[in-house]
C-alpha atoms as a PDB file:
ATOM      1  CA  MET A   1      13.430  12.746 -14.825  1.00  0.00           C
ATOM      2  CA  LEU A   2      11.596  15.405 -12.782  1.00  0.00           C
ATOM      3  CA  ILE A   3       8.349  14.267 -11.266  1.00  0.00           C
ATOM      4  CA  ARG A   4       5.870  16.623  -9.756  1.00  0.00           C
ATOM      5  CA  VAL A   5       3.931  15.114  -6.693  1.00  0.00           C
ATOM      6  CA  GLY A   6       1.424  16.695  -4.406  1.00  0.00           C
ATOM      7  CA  TYR A   7      -1.858  16.549  -3.007  1.00  0.00           C
ATOM      8  CA  GLU A   8      -4.901  18.750  -1.704  1.00  0.00           C
ATOM      9  CA  LEU A   9      -7.216  17.477   1.087  1.00  0.00           C
ATOM     10  CA  VAL A  10     -10.097  19.254   2.578  1.00  0.00           C
ATOM     11  CA  PHE A  11     -12.058  18.609   5.585  1.00  0.00           C
ATOM     12  CA  LEU A  12     -15.032  19.967   7.339  1.00  0.00           C
ATOM     13  CA  VAL A  13     -14.135  19.618  11.120  1.00  0.00           C
ATOM     14  CA  PRO A  14     -17.111  19.444  13.474  1.00  0.00           C
ATOM     15  CA  ALA A  15     -15.148  20.012  16.730  1.00  0.00           C
ATOM     16  CA  ARG A  16     -11.730  20.699  17.884  1.00  0.00           C
ATOM     17  CA  THR A  17      -9.681  17.489  16.667  1.00  0.00           C
ATOM     18  CA  PRO A  18      -6.214  16.335  17.004  1.00  0.00           C
ATOM     19  CA  VAL A  19      -4.966  15.167  13.657  1.00  0.00           C
ATOM     20  CA  VAL A  20      -2.042  12.911  12.734  1.00  0.00           C
ATOM     21  CA  LEU A  21      -0.599  13.534   9.143  1.00  0.00           C
ATOM     22  CA  MET A  22       1.388  10.884   7.160  1.00  0.00           C
ATOM     23  CA  LEU A  23       1.900  12.880   4.125  1.00  0.00           C
ATOM     24  CA  TYR A  24       5.498  13.473   3.733  1.00  0.00           C
ATOM     25  CA  THR A  25       7.958  11.875   1.415  1.00  0.00           C
ATOM     26  CA  HIS A  26      10.058   9.244   2.906  1.00  0.00           C
ATOM     27  CA  PRO A  27      13.497  10.462   4.489  1.00  0.00           C
ATOM     28  CA  SER A  28      15.245   8.199   2.061  1.00  0.00           C
ATOM     29  CA  ARG A  29      14.192  10.325  -0.829  1.00  0.00           C
ATOM     30  CA  ALA A  30      15.217  13.511   0.841  1.00  0.00           C
ATOM     31  CA  ALA A  31      18.414  13.976  -1.404  1.00  0.00           C
ATOM     32  CA  SER A  32      16.222  13.562  -4.546  1.00  0.00           C
ATOM     33  CA  LEU A  33      13.825  16.459  -3.621  1.00  0.00           C
ATOM     34  CA  ARG A  34      14.378  19.766  -5.585  1.00  0.00           C
ATOM     35  CA  THR A  35      12.047  21.800  -3.596  1.00  0.00           C
ATOM     36  CA  GLY A  36      11.008  21.517   0.131  1.00  0.00           C
ATOM     37  CA  ASP A  37       8.416  19.083   1.244  1.00  0.00           C
ATOM     38  CA  TRP A  38       6.019  20.327   4.001  1.00  0.00           C
ATOM     39  CA  VAL A  39       2.498  20.474   4.648  1.00  0.00           C
ATOM     40  CA  ARG A  40       0.616  23.739   4.165  1.00  0.00           C
ATOM     41  CA  VAL A  41      -2.288  24.340   6.450  1.00  0.00           C
ATOM     42  CA  GLU A  42      -5.288  26.686   5.906  1.00  0.00           C
ATOM     43  CA  PRO A  43      -6.274  28.121   8.169  1.00  0.00           C
ATOM     44  CA  GLU A  44      -2.674  28.440   9.491  1.00  0.00           C
ATOM     45  CA  THR A  45      -2.064  26.028  12.275  1.00  0.00           C
ATOM     46  CA  PRO A  46       1.030  24.886  13.965  1.00  0.00           C
ATOM     47  CA  VAL A  47       2.463  21.469  12.617  1.00  0.00           C
ATOM     48  CA  GLU A  48       4.704  19.392  15.083  1.00  0.00           C
ATOM     49  CA  ILE A  49       7.071  17.164  13.041  1.00  0.00           C
ATOM     50  CA  TYR A  50       8.313  13.732  14.385  1.00  0.00           C
ATOM     51  CA  THR A  51       9.744  10.485  13.206  1.00  0.00           C
ATOM     52  CA  ASP A  52       7.642   7.158  13.786  1.00  0.00           C
ATOM     53  CA  THR A  53       8.900   3.908  14.494  1.00  0.00           C
ATOM     54  CA  PHE A  54       9.150   2.905  10.802  1.00  0.00           C
ATOM     55  CA  GLY A  55      11.400   5.989   9.900  1.00  0.00           C
ATOM     56  CA  ASN A  56       8.595   8.182   8.375  1.00  0.00           C
ATOM     57  CA  TYR A  57       8.152  11.676   8.829  1.00  0.00           C
ATOM     58  CA  CYS A  58       4.834  12.586  10.251  1.00  0.00           C
ATOM     59  CA  GLY A  59       2.974  15.709  11.550  1.00  0.00           C
ATOM     60  CA  ARG A  60       0.382  16.404  14.119  1.00  0.00           C
ATOM     61  CA  LEU A  61      -1.716  19.343  14.722  1.00  0.00           C
ATOM     62  CA  VAL A  62      -5.152  20.399  16.502  1.00  0.00           C
ATOM     63  CA  ALA A  63      -7.750  21.401  13.895  1.00  0.00           C
ATOM     64  CA  SER A  64     -10.270  24.027  14.907  1.00  0.00           C
ATOM     65  CA  PRO A  65     -14.024  23.666  13.979  1.00  0.00           C
ATOM     66  CA  GLY A  66     -14.865  24.406  10.451  1.00  0.00           C
ATOM     67  CA  ARG A  67     -12.958  24.038   7.147  1.00  0.00           C
ATOM     68  CA  LEU A  68      -9.469  22.450   6.989  1.00  0.00           C
ATOM     69  CA  ARG A  69      -7.250  22.573   3.938  1.00  0.00           C
ATOM     70  CA  LEU A  70      -3.996  20.721   3.543  1.00  0.00           C
ATOM     71  CA  TRP A  71      -1.906  20.874   0.555  1.00  0.00           C
ATOM     72  CA  SER A  72       1.703  20.408  -0.774  1.00  0.00           C
ATOM     73  CA  THR A  73       3.568  20.074  -3.954  1.00  0.00           C
ATOM     74  CA  THR A  74       7.180  19.343  -4.542  1.00  0.00           C
ATOM     75  CA  ILE A  75       9.545  18.049  -7.347  1.00  0.00           C
ATOM     76  CA  VAL A  76      11.291  14.726  -7.226  1.00  0.00           C
ATOM     77  CA  GLU A  77      14.308  13.751  -9.120  1.00  0.00           C
ATOM     78  CA  ASP A  78      14.172  10.066 -10.217  1.00  0.00           C
ATOM     79  CA  ASN A  79      16.160   7.946 -12.695  1.00  0.00           C
ATOM     80  CA  GLY A  80      12.992   6.165 -13.990  1.00  0.00           C
ATOM     81  CA  VAL A  81      14.300   2.762 -13.590  1.00  0.00           C
ATOM     82  CA  PRO A  82      11.727   0.208 -12.467  1.00  0.00           C
ATOM     83  CA  ASP A  83      11.967  -1.568  -9.249  1.00  0.00           C
ATOM     84  CA  PRO A  84      14.221  -4.683  -9.569  1.00  0.00           C
ATOM     85  CA  VAL A  85      12.586  -7.889 -10.213  1.00  0.00           C
ATOM     86  CA  ALA A  86      14.422 -10.809  -8.336  1.00  0.00           C
ATOM     87  CA  TRP A  87      12.775 -14.079  -9.293  1.00  0.00           C
ATOM     88  CA  GLY A  88      15.457 -15.908  -7.569  1.00  0.00           C
ATOM     89  CA  ALA A  89      14.899 -14.212  -4.043  1.00  0.00           C
ATOM     90  CA  GLY A  90      14.124 -17.091  -1.528  1.00  0.00           C
ATOM     91  CA  GLN A  91      12.111 -17.383   1.411  1.00  0.00           C
ATOM     92  CA  GLN A  92      13.333 -18.161   4.988  1.00  0.00           C
ATOM     93  CA  PRO A  93      11.593 -20.684   7.115  1.00  0.00           C
ATOM     94  CA  VAL A  94       9.645 -18.913   9.983  1.00  0.00           C
ATOM     95  CA  GLU A  95      12.015 -20.176  12.658  1.00  0.00           C
ATOM     96  CA  GLU A  96      14.951 -18.641  10.949  1.00  0.00           C
ATOM     97  CA  LEU A  97      13.266 -15.240  10.570  1.00  0.00           C
ATOM     98  CA  PRO A  98      14.706 -12.185  12.586  1.00  0.00           C
ATOM     99  CA  PRO A  99      12.678 -11.127  15.614  1.00  0.00           C
ATOM    100  CA  ALA A 100      12.063  -7.635  14.231  1.00  0.00           C
ATOM    101  CA  VAL A 101       9.671  -8.947  11.443  1.00  0.00           C
ATOM    102  CA  LEU A 102       7.791 -11.653  13.385  1.00  0.00           C
ATOM    103  CA  SER A 103       4.867  -9.322  14.141  1.00  0.00           C
ATOM    104  CA  PHE A 104       4.275  -8.954  10.478  1.00  0.00           C
ATOM    105  CA  LEU A 105       3.076 -12.679  10.474  1.00  0.00           C
ATOM    106  CA  LEU A 106       0.313 -11.914  12.821  1.00  0.00           C
ATOM    107  CA  GLY A 107      -3.155 -10.853  12.285  1.00  0.00           C
ATOM    108  CA  SER A 108      -4.283  -7.263  12.824  1.00  0.00           C
ATOM    109  CA  ARG A 109      -7.382  -4.976  12.568  1.00  0.00           C
ATOM    110  CA  TYR A 110      -7.872  -5.285   8.788  1.00  0.00           C
ATOM    111  CA  CYS A 111      -5.988  -8.575   8.270  1.00  0.00           C
ATOM    112  CA  GLU A 112      -7.700 -11.711   9.766  1.00  0.00           C
ATOM    113  CA  VAL A 113      -4.982 -14.316   9.086  1.00  0.00           C
ATOM    114  CA  ASP A 114      -6.924 -17.100  10.962  1.00  0.00           C
ATOM    115  CA  LYS A 115      -9.955 -16.683   8.524  1.00  0.00           C
ATOM    116  CA  LEU A 116      -7.721 -16.900   5.237  1.00  0.00           C
ATOM    117  CA  THR A 117      -5.550 -19.886   6.049  1.00  0.00           C
ATOM    118  CA  ALA A 118      -7.234 -22.472   3.903  1.00  0.00           C
ATOM    119  CA  ALA A 119      -7.650 -19.782   0.971  1.00  0.00           C
ATOM    120  CA  ALA A 120      -4.095 -18.838   0.944  1.00  0.00           C
ATOM    121  CA  TRP A 121      -2.702 -22.317   0.697  1.00  0.00           C
ATOM    122  CA  SER A 122      -5.288 -23.544  -1.748  1.00  0.00           C
ATOM    123  CA  LEU A 123      -4.880 -20.573  -4.096  1.00  0.00           C
ATOM    124  CA  PHE A 124      -1.058 -19.958  -3.836  1.00  0.00           C
ATOM    125  CA  GLY A 125       0.537 -23.077  -2.305  1.00  0.00           C
ATOM    126  CA  TYR A 126       1.389 -24.232  -5.906  1.00  0.00           C
ATOM    127  CA  ALA A 127       3.752 -21.307  -6.460  1.00  0.00           C
ATOM    128  CA  PRO A 128       7.413 -21.669  -5.609  1.00  0.00           C
ATOM    129  CA  ALA A 129       8.398 -20.230  -2.182  1.00  0.00           C
ATOM    130  CA  GLY A 130       9.912 -16.814  -2.432  1.00  0.00           C
ATOM    131  CA  TRP A 131       9.507 -14.037  -4.978  1.00  0.00           C
ATOM    132  CA  PRO A 132       7.259 -16.215  -7.335  1.00  0.00           C
ATOM    133  CA  ARG A 133       4.883 -16.925  -4.322  1.00  0.00           C
ATOM    134  CA  VAL A 134       4.492 -13.139  -3.531  1.00  0.00           C
ATOM    135  CA  GLN A 135       4.009 -12.443  -7.285  1.00  0.00           C
ATOM    136  CA  ALA A 136       1.420 -15.018  -7.421  1.00  0.00           C
ATOM    137  CA  VAL A 137      -0.445 -13.325  -4.540  1.00  0.00           C
ATOM    138  CA  CYS A 138      -0.247  -9.908  -6.027  1.00  0.00           C
ATOM    139  CA  ASP A 139      -1.439 -11.327  -9.511  1.00  0.00           C
ATOM    140  CA  GLY A 140      -4.226 -13.202  -7.911  1.00  0.00           C
ATOM    141  CA  VAL A 141      -5.575 -10.316  -5.908  1.00  0.00           C
ATOM    142  CA  HIS A 142      -5.238  -7.908  -8.956  1.00  0.00           C
ATOM    143  CA  ARG A 143      -7.226 -10.342 -11.163  1.00  0.00           C
ATOM    144  CA  ASN A 144      -9.912 -11.176  -8.833  1.00  0.00           C
ATOM    145  CA  VAL A 145     -10.638  -7.990  -6.882  1.00  0.00           C
ATOM    146  CA  LEU A 146     -12.736  -5.237  -8.774  1.00  0.00           C
ATOM    147  CA  PHE A 147     -11.261  -1.716  -8.078  1.00  0.00           C
ATOM    148  CA  GLY A 148     -13.692   1.107  -7.429  1.00  0.00           C
ATOM    149  CA  TYR A 149     -14.170   4.059  -5.137  1.00  0.00           C
ATOM    150  CA  GLN A 150     -17.785   3.261  -4.583  1.00  0.00           C
ATOM    151  CA  PHE A 151     -16.717  -0.170  -2.895  1.00  0.00           C
ATOM    152  CA  ALA A 152     -14.937   1.861   0.102  1.00  0.00           C
ATOM    153  CA  THR A 153     -16.117   1.387   3.601  1.00  0.00           C
ATOM    154  CA  GLN A 154     -14.324   2.265   6.796  1.00  0.00           C
ATOM    155  CA  SER A 155     -14.596  -1.073   8.192  1.00  0.00           C
ATOM    156  CA  LYS A 156     -13.909  -3.381   5.404  1.00  0.00           C
ATOM    157  CA  THR A 157     -11.349  -6.177   6.210  1.00  0.00           C
ATOM    158  CA  ALA A 158      -9.233  -8.521   4.189  1.00  0.00           C
ATOM    159  CA  TRP A 159     -11.932 -11.128   4.864  1.00  0.00           C
ATOM    160  CA  ASP A 160     -14.633  -8.891   3.450  1.00  0.00           C
ATOM    161  CA  VAL A 161     -12.622  -8.135   0.497  1.00  0.00           C
ATOM    162  CA  TYR A 162     -12.100 -11.942  -0.407  1.00  0.00           C
ATOM    163  CA  GLN A 163     -15.806 -12.412   0.033  1.00  0.00           C
ATOM    164  CA  GLN A 164     -17.036  -9.482  -1.845  1.00  0.00           C
ATOM    165  CA  ARG A 165     -14.064  -9.275  -4.374  1.00  0.00           C
ATOM    166  CA  ALA A 166     -14.373  -5.411  -4.613  1.00  0.00           C
ATOM    167  CA  GLY A 167     -12.690  -2.653  -2.923  1.00  0.00           C
ATOM    168  CA  VAL A 168     -10.253   0.222  -3.106  1.00  0.00           C
ATOM    169  CA  CYS A 169      -6.529   0.368  -2.914  1.00  0.00           C
ATOM    170  CA  ARG A 170      -6.095  -0.331   0.698  1.00  0.00           C
ATOM    171  CA  ASP A 171      -8.444  -3.152   0.415  1.00  0.00           C
ATOM    172  CA  LEU A 172      -6.421  -4.926  -2.319  1.00  0.00           C
ATOM    173  CA  ASN A 173      -3.308  -4.517  -0.236  1.00  0.00           C
ATOM    174  CA  HIS A 174      -4.924  -5.619   3.001  1.00  0.00           C
ATOM    175  CA  LEU A 175      -5.769  -8.862   1.340  1.00  0.00           C
ATOM    176  CA  ALA A 176      -2.531  -9.543  -0.401  1.00  0.00           C
ATOM    177  CA  LEU A 177      -0.566  -8.979   2.669  1.00  0.00           C
ATOM    178  CA  THR A 178      -2.936 -11.261   4.775  1.00  0.00           C
ATOM    179  CA  PHE A 179      -2.352 -14.130   2.298  1.00  0.00           C
ATOM    180  CA  CYS A 180       1.286 -13.442   2.409  1.00  0.00           C
ATOM    181  CA  ARG A 181       1.306 -13.551   6.159  1.00  0.00           C
ATOM    182  CA  ARG A 182      -0.640 -16.789   6.213  1.00  0.00           C
ATOM    183  CA  LEU A 183       1.937 -18.257   3.736  1.00  0.00           C
ATOM    184  CA  GLY A 184       4.724 -17.468   6.251  1.00  0.00           C
ATOM    185  CA  ILE A 185       5.922 -14.481   4.374  1.00  0.00           C
ATOM    186  CA  PRO A 186       6.271 -11.321   6.781  1.00  0.00           C
ATOM    187  CA  ALA A 187       4.245  -8.480   5.025  1.00  0.00           C
ATOM    188  CA  ARG A 188       3.274  -4.884   5.936  1.00  0.00           C
ATOM    189  CA  TYR A 189       1.316  -2.042   4.315  1.00  0.00           C
ATOM    190  CA  ALA A 190       3.461   0.673   2.853  1.00  0.00           C
ATOM    191  CA  THR A 191       2.105   3.438   0.756  1.00  0.00           C
ATOM    192  CA  GLY A 192       3.336   6.116  -1.500  1.00  0.00           C
ATOM    193  CA  TYR A 193       3.115   7.995  -4.816  1.00  0.00           C
ATOM    194  CA  LEU A 194       2.322   6.216  -8.019  1.00  0.00           C
ATOM    195  CA  GLY A 195       2.566   8.547 -10.932  1.00  0.00           C
ATOM    196  CA  ASP A 196       0.415   8.343 -14.195  1.00  0.00           C
ATOM    197  CA  ILE A 197       3.425   8.471 -16.308  1.00  0.00           C
ATOM    198  CA  GLY A 198       2.871   6.107 -19.183  1.00  0.00           C
ATOM    199  CA  CYS A 199      -0.309   5.043 -17.993  1.00  0.00           C
ATOM    200  CA  PRO A 200      -3.604   4.930 -19.806  1.00  0.00           C
ATOM    201  CA  ARG A 201      -5.905   7.790 -19.218  1.00  0.00           C
ATOM    202  CA  GLN A 202      -8.274   5.140 -17.633  1.00  0.00           C
ATOM    203  CA  ALA A 203      -7.021   2.413 -15.293  1.00  0.00           C
ATOM    204  CA  PRO A 204      -7.873  -1.165 -16.574  1.00  0.00           C
ATOM    205  CA  ARG A 205     -11.002  -2.621 -15.119  1.00  0.00           C
ATOM    206  CA  TRP A 206      -9.149  -5.087 -12.781  1.00  0.00           C
ATOM    207  CA  THR A 207      -6.065  -2.954 -11.766  1.00  0.00           C
ATOM    208  CA  SER A 208      -5.836  -0.623  -8.716  1.00  0.00           C
ATOM    209  CA  ALA A 209      -4.740   2.802  -9.669  1.00  0.00           C
ATOM    210  CA  ALA A 210      -3.528   3.451  -6.059  1.00  0.00           C
ATOM    211  CA  GLY A 211       0.009   4.203  -4.947  1.00  0.00           C
ATOM    212  CA  SER A 212       0.361   1.426  -2.462  1.00  0.00           C
ATOM    213  CA  LYS A 213       1.962  -2.004  -2.146  1.00  0.00           C
ATOM    214  CA  PRO A 214       1.607  -4.712   0.607  1.00  0.00           C
ATOM    215  CA  THR A 215       5.396  -5.560   1.135  1.00  0.00           C
ATOM    216  CA  SER A 216       8.968  -4.518   0.034  1.00  0.00           C
ATOM    217  CA  ALA A 217       9.282  -8.230  -1.541  1.00  0.00           C
ATOM    218  CA  ALA A 218       6.192  -7.376  -3.681  1.00  0.00           C
ATOM    219  CA  ALA A 219       7.467  -4.100  -4.859  1.00  0.00           C
ATOM    220  CA  GLY A 220       6.796  -3.428  -8.432  1.00  0.00           C
ATOM    221  CA  THR A 221       4.506  -6.576  -9.178  1.00  0.00           C
ATOM    222  CA  ARG A 222       1.459  -5.960 -11.132  1.00  0.00           C
ATOM    223  CA  SER A 223      -0.684  -8.441 -13.206  1.00  0.00           C
ATOM    224  CA  THR A 224      -1.451  -7.759 -16.776  1.00  0.00           C
ATOM    225  CA  PRO A 225      -5.284  -7.223 -16.898  1.00  0.00           C
ATOM    226  CA  GLY A 226      -7.016 -10.050 -19.301  1.00  0.00           C
ATOM    227  CA  THR A 227      -4.210 -12.484 -18.951  1.00  0.00           C
ATOM    228  CA  THR A 228      -4.051 -15.598 -16.708  1.00  0.00           C
ATOM    229  CA  PRO A 229      -0.611 -17.330 -16.691  1.00  0.00           C
ATOM    230  CA  PRO A 230      -0.543 -21.020 -16.382  1.00  0.00           C
ATOM    231  CA  GLY A 231      -1.173 -21.958 -12.629  1.00  0.00           C
ATOM    232  CA  SER A 232      -2.399 -18.626 -11.568  1.00  0.00           C
ATOM    233  CA  ALA A 233      -5.263 -18.570  -8.981  1.00  0.00           C
ATOM    234  CA  VAL A 234      -8.779 -17.613  -9.927  1.00  0.00           C
ATOM    235  CA  TRP A 235     -11.253 -17.800  -7.149  1.00  0.00           C
END
């Protein structure tokens, strides 16, 4: 199938401002692009392209005061096959994890792993280690956190989301990956496009409509609104 993806972002810039852009499709999808993928800038401004430590294409520019418009559109060819589900995927003990992923067990600006230790184990410790436990975390977050743009704040953390039970896409992901980290599962935030193909015109009340996911182990996981499988966490 051919999928058109794109965006348009408009800012009112108060002063000369350096900007880092993370708007490009991942290099792993380069072969599936039918048209070029680059950021268009209005007013015309030079954009420097570089690759970050995670292998993402990024751009940076210096915006002048005034109106700044960023937009792009491209066509992606995709086979339409859902992400694989590997219920048998296991979980390595922390002491056997490769050094490269150990940092994704630690706390960070929006993920206070120390505050959510008790909650993580009491809510999801029942689930078998590995994929089922990650699935339980994703289902629990989607079931218990209300999605809404009106709940967005710049400083909201995973602990805030757990207490308030409301947030936007990144908030749901921060909470899910914080739970995973506290359970000994390395997790980091990854974001991308999520199309509306086959989706209802309005997203279900308890389901995030955003295109982000907390960890590759949790790719493709989504709870079904209104259902609670046996043993599922409800807080």
